[in-house]
N, C-alpha and C. Protein backbone atom coordinates (compact mmCIF):
# COMPACT_ATOMS: atom_id res chain seq x y z
N GLN A 1 -33.31 -47.37 -57.23
CA GLN A 1 -33.90 -47.76 -58.47
C GLN A 1 -34.79 -49.06 -58.87
N GLY A 2 -33.87 -49.81 -57.99
CA GLY A 2 -34.42 -51.10 -58.23
C GLY A 2 -35.54 -51.80 -57.35
N TYR A 3 -36.03 -50.83 -56.40
CA TYR A 3 -37.21 -51.26 -55.50
C TYR A 3 -38.58 -51.20 -56.31
N ASP A 4 -39.38 -52.14 -56.13
CA ASP A 4 -40.54 -52.11 -56.86
C ASP A 4 -41.55 -51.01 -56.48
N TRP A 5 -41.52 -50.49 -55.37
CA TRP A 5 -42.51 -49.65 -54.83
C TRP A 5 -43.99 -50.10 -54.63
N PRO A 6 -44.33 -51.23 -54.15
CA PRO A 6 -45.70 -51.55 -54.27
C PRO A 6 -46.65 -50.69 -53.60
N GLY A 7 -46.34 -49.91 -52.77
CA GLY A 7 -47.16 -48.87 -52.12
C GLY A 7 -47.38 -47.59 -52.97
N ASN A 8 -46.46 -47.59 -54.10
CA ASN A 8 -46.51 -46.34 -55.04
C ASN A 8 -46.46 -45.10 -54.32
N VAL A 9 -46.78 -44.04 -54.88
CA VAL A 9 -46.69 -42.69 -54.15
C VAL A 9 -46.68 -42.63 -52.81
N ARG A 10 -47.80 -43.26 -52.10
CA ARG A 10 -47.85 -43.23 -50.69
C ARG A 10 -46.73 -43.67 -49.92
N GLU A 11 -46.32 -44.91 -50.48
CA GLU A 11 -45.27 -45.60 -49.82
C GLU A 11 -43.89 -44.46 -50.02
N LEU A 12 -43.64 -44.09 -51.15
CA LEU A 12 -42.52 -43.35 -51.37
C LEU A 12 -42.75 -41.96 -50.23
N ARG A 13 -43.89 -41.28 -50.17
CA ARG A 13 -44.17 -40.44 -49.42
C ARG A 13 -43.77 -40.70 -48.11
N ASN A 14 -44.30 -41.77 -47.35
CA ASN A 14 -44.00 -42.19 -46.15
C ASN A 14 -42.59 -42.42 -45.75
N VAL A 15 -41.90 -42.92 -46.59
CA VAL A 15 -40.33 -43.05 -46.47
C VAL A 15 -39.84 -41.83 -46.46
N VAL A 16 -39.93 -40.86 -47.38
CA VAL A 16 -39.30 -39.49 -47.42
C VAL A 16 -39.62 -38.95 -46.16
N GLU A 17 -41.05 -38.89 -45.61
CA GLU A 17 -41.27 -38.28 -44.37
C GLU A 17 -40.70 -38.91 -43.17
N ARG A 18 -40.34 -40.17 -43.07
CA ARG A 18 -39.67 -40.79 -42.00
C ARG A 18 -38.20 -40.43 -42.09
N LEU A 19 -37.69 -40.25 -43.32
CA LEU A 19 -36.13 -39.91 -43.32
C LEU A 19 -36.26 -38.41 -42.84
N LEU A 20 -37.05 -37.77 -42.95
CA LEU A 20 -36.96 -36.21 -42.59
C LEU A 20 -37.29 -36.21 -41.19
N ILE A 21 -37.90 -37.13 -40.58
CA ILE A 21 -38.08 -37.18 -39.15
C ILE A 21 -36.95 -37.67 -38.35
N MET A 22 -36.55 -38.69 -38.80
CA MET A 22 -35.41 -39.38 -37.96
C MET A 22 -34.13 -39.19 -38.41
N ALA A 23 -33.82 -38.41 -39.60
CA ALA A 23 -32.52 -38.12 -39.92
C ALA A 23 -31.61 -37.27 -38.93
N PRO A 24 -30.37 -37.67 -38.70
CA PRO A 24 -29.78 -36.99 -37.82
C PRO A 24 -29.66 -35.26 -37.93
N GLY A 25 -29.75 -34.76 -39.09
CA GLY A 25 -29.78 -33.35 -39.37
C GLY A 25 -31.09 -32.77 -39.44
N GLY A 26 -31.05 -31.38 -40.09
CA GLY A 26 -32.16 -30.94 -40.32
C GLY A 26 -33.12 -31.04 -41.53
N PRO A 27 -34.18 -30.61 -41.91
CA PRO A 27 -34.80 -30.93 -43.11
C PRO A 27 -34.30 -30.28 -44.24
N ASP A 28 -33.35 -29.70 -44.22
CA ASP A 28 -32.64 -29.10 -45.46
C ASP A 28 -31.28 -29.93 -45.71
N ASP A 29 -31.00 -30.96 -44.99
CA ASP A 29 -29.96 -31.84 -45.21
C ASP A 29 -30.02 -32.68 -46.34
N VAL A 30 -29.23 -33.31 -46.88
CA VAL A 30 -29.38 -34.35 -47.98
C VAL A 30 -29.69 -35.65 -47.48
N ILE A 31 -30.27 -36.44 -48.23
CA ILE A 31 -30.80 -37.53 -47.55
C ILE A 31 -29.94 -38.43 -48.53
N ARG A 32 -29.19 -39.49 -47.80
CA ARG A 32 -28.08 -40.41 -48.48
C ARG A 32 -28.66 -41.77 -48.61
N ALA A 33 -28.06 -42.40 -49.36
CA ALA A 33 -28.62 -44.04 -49.52
C ALA A 33 -28.29 -44.86 -48.11
N ASP A 34 -27.43 -44.48 -47.28
CA ASP A 34 -27.25 -45.08 -45.85
C ASP A 34 -28.29 -44.83 -44.97
N MET A 35 -29.21 -43.93 -45.34
CA MET A 35 -30.38 -43.46 -44.39
C MET A 35 -31.45 -44.27 -44.83
N LEU A 36 -31.75 -44.83 -45.85
CA LEU A 36 -32.75 -45.78 -46.32
C LEU A 36 -33.16 -46.75 -45.67
N PRO A 37 -34.36 -47.31 -45.31
CA PRO A 37 -34.72 -48.61 -44.80
C PRO A 37 -34.05 -49.70 -45.38
N ALA A 38 -33.80 -50.68 -44.49
CA ALA A 38 -32.95 -51.84 -45.08
C ALA A 38 -33.73 -52.41 -46.33
N GLU A 39 -35.09 -52.46 -46.23
CA GLU A 39 -35.73 -53.07 -47.46
C GLU A 39 -35.46 -52.31 -48.78
N LEU A 40 -35.15 -51.24 -48.52
CA LEU A 40 -34.56 -50.34 -49.88
C LEU A 40 -33.36 -50.20 -50.16
N ALA A 41 -32.38 -50.11 -49.22
CA ALA A 41 -30.93 -49.89 -49.46
C ALA A 41 -30.28 -51.42 -49.43
N GLY A 42 -31.01 -52.42 -48.81
CA GLY A 42 -30.10 -53.43 -48.56
C GLY A 42 -29.00 -53.55 -47.67
N VAL A 43 -29.16 -52.51 -46.42
CA VAL A 43 -27.92 -52.20 -45.55
C VAL A 43 -28.74 -52.78 -44.27
N ALA A 44 -27.65 -52.98 -43.35
CA ALA A 44 -27.94 -53.43 -42.07
C ALA A 44 -28.74 -52.56 -41.29
N PRO A 45 -29.76 -52.88 -40.53
CA PRO A 45 -30.53 -51.81 -40.14
C PRO A 45 -29.75 -51.00 -38.90
N ALA A 46 -28.67 -51.39 -38.25
CA ALA A 46 -27.92 -50.61 -37.29
C ALA A 46 -27.44 -49.47 -38.01
N THR A 47 -27.45 -49.32 -39.41
CA THR A 47 -26.49 -48.16 -40.00
C THR A 47 -27.65 -47.18 -40.38
N LEU A 48 -28.85 -47.40 -40.28
CA LEU A 48 -30.21 -46.66 -40.79
C LEU A 48 -30.19 -45.28 -39.91
N GLY A 49 -30.07 -44.24 -40.42
CA GLY A 49 -30.56 -42.94 -39.74
C GLY A 49 -29.86 -42.55 -38.60
N GLY A 50 -28.56 -42.89 -38.59
CA GLY A 50 -27.44 -42.48 -37.63
C GLY A 50 -27.83 -42.79 -36.00
N ASP A 51 -27.51 -41.83 -35.33
CA ASP A 51 -27.42 -42.05 -33.85
C ASP A 51 -28.77 -42.38 -33.46
N LYS A 52 -29.78 -41.67 -33.98
CA LYS A 52 -31.32 -41.69 -33.41
C LYS A 52 -31.87 -43.21 -33.68
N ALA A 53 -31.58 -43.78 -34.86
CA ALA A 53 -32.09 -44.84 -35.21
C ALA A 53 -31.20 -46.04 -34.36
N ALA A 54 -29.92 -45.81 -34.19
CA ALA A 54 -29.31 -46.70 -33.34
C ALA A 54 -29.68 -46.86 -31.78
N GLU A 55 -30.06 -45.56 -31.35
CA GLU A 55 -30.75 -45.34 -30.21
C GLU A 55 -31.93 -45.96 -29.97
N MET A 56 -32.97 -45.98 -31.08
CA MET A 56 -34.20 -46.62 -31.04
C MET A 56 -34.11 -48.03 -31.02
N LEU A 57 -33.05 -48.44 -31.82
CA LEU A 57 -32.84 -50.03 -31.96
C LEU A 57 -32.57 -50.61 -30.58
N GLY A 58 -32.16 -49.83 -29.85
CA GLY A 58 -31.42 -50.44 -28.43
C GLY A 58 -32.89 -50.30 -27.48
N LEU A 59 -34.15 -49.74 -27.67
CA LEU A 59 -35.08 -49.68 -26.91
C LEU A 59 -36.07 -51.00 -27.13
N PRO A 60 -36.70 -51.21 -25.95
CA PRO A 60 -37.87 -52.14 -26.13
C PRO A 60 -38.82 -51.64 -27.41
N LEU A 61 -39.72 -52.47 -28.03
CA LEU A 61 -40.55 -51.99 -28.98
C LEU A 61 -41.56 -50.84 -28.45
N ARG A 62 -42.25 -51.17 -27.36
CA ARG A 62 -42.96 -50.08 -26.81
C ARG A 62 -42.36 -48.61 -26.73
N ASP A 63 -41.36 -48.47 -26.20
CA ASP A 63 -40.43 -47.30 -26.04
C ASP A 63 -40.11 -46.62 -27.41
N ALA A 64 -39.66 -47.55 -28.24
CA ALA A 64 -39.19 -47.12 -29.59
C ALA A 64 -40.32 -46.52 -30.43
N ARG A 65 -41.48 -47.24 -30.18
CA ARG A 65 -42.74 -46.69 -30.95
C ARG A 65 -43.13 -45.44 -30.32
N GLU A 66 -43.13 -45.33 -28.94
CA GLU A 66 -43.46 -43.88 -28.39
C GLU A 66 -42.56 -42.75 -28.85
N VAL A 67 -41.08 -43.13 -28.94
CA VAL A 67 -40.19 -42.06 -29.58
C VAL A 67 -40.82 -41.84 -30.69
N PHE A 68 -40.63 -42.86 -31.80
CA PHE A 68 -41.09 -42.30 -33.11
C PHE A 68 -42.46 -41.70 -33.22
N GLU A 69 -43.47 -42.06 -32.60
CA GLU A 69 -44.86 -41.44 -32.61
C GLU A 69 -44.69 -39.92 -32.00
N ARG A 70 -43.98 -39.61 -30.87
CA ARG A 70 -44.00 -38.31 -30.55
C ARG A 70 -43.09 -37.53 -31.52
N GLU A 71 -42.16 -37.97 -32.34
CA GLU A 71 -41.49 -37.07 -33.23
C GLU A 71 -42.18 -36.92 -34.48
N TYR A 72 -42.84 -38.27 -34.77
CA TYR A 72 -43.87 -38.10 -35.98
C TYR A 72 -44.85 -37.00 -35.80
N LEU A 73 -45.46 -37.02 -34.60
CA LEU A 73 -46.74 -36.08 -34.46
C LEU A 73 -46.16 -34.79 -34.14
N THR A 74 -45.09 -34.58 -33.48
CA THR A 74 -44.48 -33.18 -33.65
C THR A 74 -44.32 -32.56 -34.89
N ALA A 75 -43.71 -33.53 -35.68
CA ALA A 75 -43.58 -32.83 -37.05
C ALA A 75 -44.69 -32.78 -37.90
N GLN A 76 -45.71 -33.43 -37.53
CA GLN A 76 -46.64 -33.21 -38.53
C GLN A 76 -47.46 -32.15 -38.01
N MET A 77 -47.85 -31.77 -36.61
CA MET A 77 -48.44 -30.73 -36.15
C MET A 77 -47.58 -29.47 -36.47
N SER A 78 -46.41 -29.58 -36.62
CA SER A 78 -45.72 -28.29 -37.12
C SER A 78 -45.88 -28.09 -38.33
N ARG A 79 -46.08 -29.09 -39.26
CA ARG A 79 -46.40 -28.99 -40.64
C ARG A 79 -47.83 -28.33 -40.89
N PHE A 80 -48.64 -28.62 -40.19
CA PHE A 80 -50.04 -28.16 -40.05
C PHE A 80 -50.18 -27.04 -39.27
N GLY A 81 -49.22 -26.26 -38.76
CA GLY A 81 -49.21 -25.02 -38.06
C GLY A 81 -50.12 -25.24 -36.63
N GLY A 82 -50.06 -26.56 -36.26
CA GLY A 82 -50.65 -26.92 -35.02
C GLY A 82 -52.19 -27.11 -34.99
N ASN A 83 -52.83 -27.07 -36.23
CA ASN A 83 -54.16 -27.34 -36.56
C ASN A 83 -54.42 -28.85 -36.32
N ILE A 84 -55.17 -29.45 -35.36
CA ILE A 84 -55.70 -30.53 -34.92
C ILE A 84 -56.38 -31.21 -36.12
N SER A 85 -57.28 -30.63 -36.56
CA SER A 85 -58.24 -30.99 -37.54
C SER A 85 -57.52 -31.52 -38.81
N ARG A 86 -56.41 -30.63 -39.31
CA ARG A 86 -55.73 -30.82 -40.58
C ARG A 86 -54.67 -32.07 -40.36
N THR A 87 -54.19 -32.19 -39.11
CA THR A 87 -53.03 -33.11 -38.72
C THR A 87 -53.90 -34.62 -38.46
N ALA A 88 -54.73 -34.21 -38.03
CA ALA A 88 -55.63 -35.81 -37.75
C ALA A 88 -56.06 -36.24 -39.22
N ALA A 89 -56.55 -35.41 -40.14
CA ALA A 89 -56.94 -35.81 -41.37
C ALA A 89 -55.70 -36.51 -42.01
N PHE A 90 -54.55 -35.65 -42.15
CA PHE A 90 -53.40 -36.16 -42.69
C PHE A 90 -52.81 -37.30 -42.06
N VAL A 91 -52.90 -37.65 -41.04
CA VAL A 91 -52.22 -38.95 -40.48
C VAL A 91 -53.32 -40.09 -40.47
N GLY A 92 -54.69 -39.87 -40.59
CA GLY A 92 -55.46 -40.94 -40.60
C GLY A 92 -56.11 -41.24 -39.42
N MET A 93 -56.22 -40.06 -38.69
CA MET A 93 -57.00 -40.45 -37.37
C MET A 93 -58.12 -39.40 -36.96
N GLU A 94 -59.24 -39.72 -36.15
CA GLU A 94 -59.98 -39.00 -35.85
C GLU A 94 -59.48 -37.86 -34.97
N ARG A 95 -59.96 -36.58 -35.04
CA ARG A 95 -59.45 -35.63 -34.22
C ARG A 95 -59.47 -35.96 -32.52
N SER A 96 -60.35 -36.62 -32.08
CA SER A 96 -60.47 -37.09 -30.64
C SER A 96 -59.51 -37.89 -30.54
N ALA A 97 -59.20 -39.08 -31.49
CA ALA A 97 -58.29 -40.20 -31.21
C ALA A 97 -56.75 -39.32 -31.02
N LEU A 98 -56.69 -38.45 -32.07
CA LEU A 98 -55.47 -37.46 -31.88
C LEU A 98 -55.16 -36.97 -30.52
N HIS A 99 -56.24 -36.15 -30.32
CA HIS A 99 -56.27 -35.63 -28.77
C HIS A 99 -55.60 -36.65 -27.80
N ARG A 100 -56.40 -37.54 -27.74
CA ARG A 100 -55.92 -38.81 -26.72
C ARG A 100 -54.46 -39.08 -26.88
N LYS A 101 -54.05 -39.35 -28.34
CA LYS A 101 -52.75 -40.09 -28.50
C LYS A 101 -51.78 -38.70 -27.88
N LEU A 102 -51.81 -37.46 -28.21
CA LEU A 102 -51.01 -36.47 -28.05
C LEU A 102 -50.92 -36.26 -26.49
N LYS A 103 -52.28 -36.54 -25.97
CA LYS A 103 -52.27 -36.62 -24.34
C LYS A 103 -51.29 -37.59 -23.68
N SER A 104 -51.61 -38.83 -24.15
CA SER A 104 -50.79 -40.06 -23.78
C SER A 104 -49.31 -40.00 -24.07
N LEU A 105 -48.91 -39.11 -24.97
CA LEU A 105 -47.55 -39.08 -25.13
C LEU A 105 -46.88 -37.89 -24.23
N GLY A 106 -47.82 -37.11 -23.68
CA GLY A 106 -47.25 -35.99 -22.50
C GLY A 106 -47.00 -34.91 -23.71
N MET A 107 -47.75 -34.74 -24.84
CA MET A 107 -47.62 -33.45 -25.69
C MET A 107 -48.93 -32.65 -25.63
N HIS A 108 -48.71 -31.27 -25.94
CA HIS A 108 -49.87 -30.78 -25.83
C HIS A 108 -50.21 -30.42 -27.27
N GLY A 109 -51.63 -30.48 -27.57
CA GLY A 109 -52.00 -30.49 -29.00
C GLY A 109 -51.98 -29.11 -29.63
N ASP A 110 -51.57 -28.02 -28.92
CA ASP A 110 -51.67 -26.73 -29.46
C ASP A 110 -50.22 -26.40 -29.76
N GLU A 111 -49.44 -27.01 -30.87
CA GLU A 111 -48.17 -26.69 -30.92
C GLU A 111 -47.79 -25.13 -31.12
N LYS A 112 -48.93 -24.51 -31.87
CA LYS A 112 -49.02 -23.26 -32.33
C LYS A 112 -48.59 -22.29 -30.87
N ALA A 113 -49.37 -22.44 -30.06
CA ALA A 113 -49.55 -21.70 -28.78
C ALA A 113 -48.24 -22.09 -28.09
N GLN A 114 -47.63 -23.26 -28.23
CA GLN A 114 -46.25 -23.79 -27.46
C GLN A 114 -45.10 -22.50 -28.31
N ARG A 115 -45.00 -22.56 -29.38
CA ARG A 115 -44.11 -21.79 -30.14
C ARG A 115 -44.33 -20.44 -29.88
N VAL A 116 -45.57 -19.79 -29.67
CA VAL A 116 -45.79 -18.31 -29.64
C VAL A 116 -45.34 -18.20 -27.89
N GLY A 117 -45.56 -18.94 -27.06
CA GLY A 117 -45.36 -18.71 -25.70
C GLY A 117 -44.07 -18.81 -25.44
N ARG A 118 -43.00 -19.20 -26.28
CA ARG A 118 -41.60 -19.38 -25.64
C ARG A 118 -41.10 -18.06 -26.19
């Protein structure tokens, strides 16, 4: 309640989405105060997000960014049913840039096809 939210709704949405992606449980689990970023909760970074965050904090920046990008894009692709255009628009990328990013992360752009093929 004491945080100023300088980014307003966009910042709040980004924090909640990050919590949903990085939280140790599923999307139906409760978000607790100890899961909040340090600037919001005033806690040490090592306690954020449980095991996954602790694991990421032990990685070099490039590797941690890759892990986050892979999880974030997987979640967004799932959110939009594998639709590249809608996912790209939401994350603020051009379709072609999203295709390149997915390829560089070793992901296939058609998440919907992956789910059907399983």
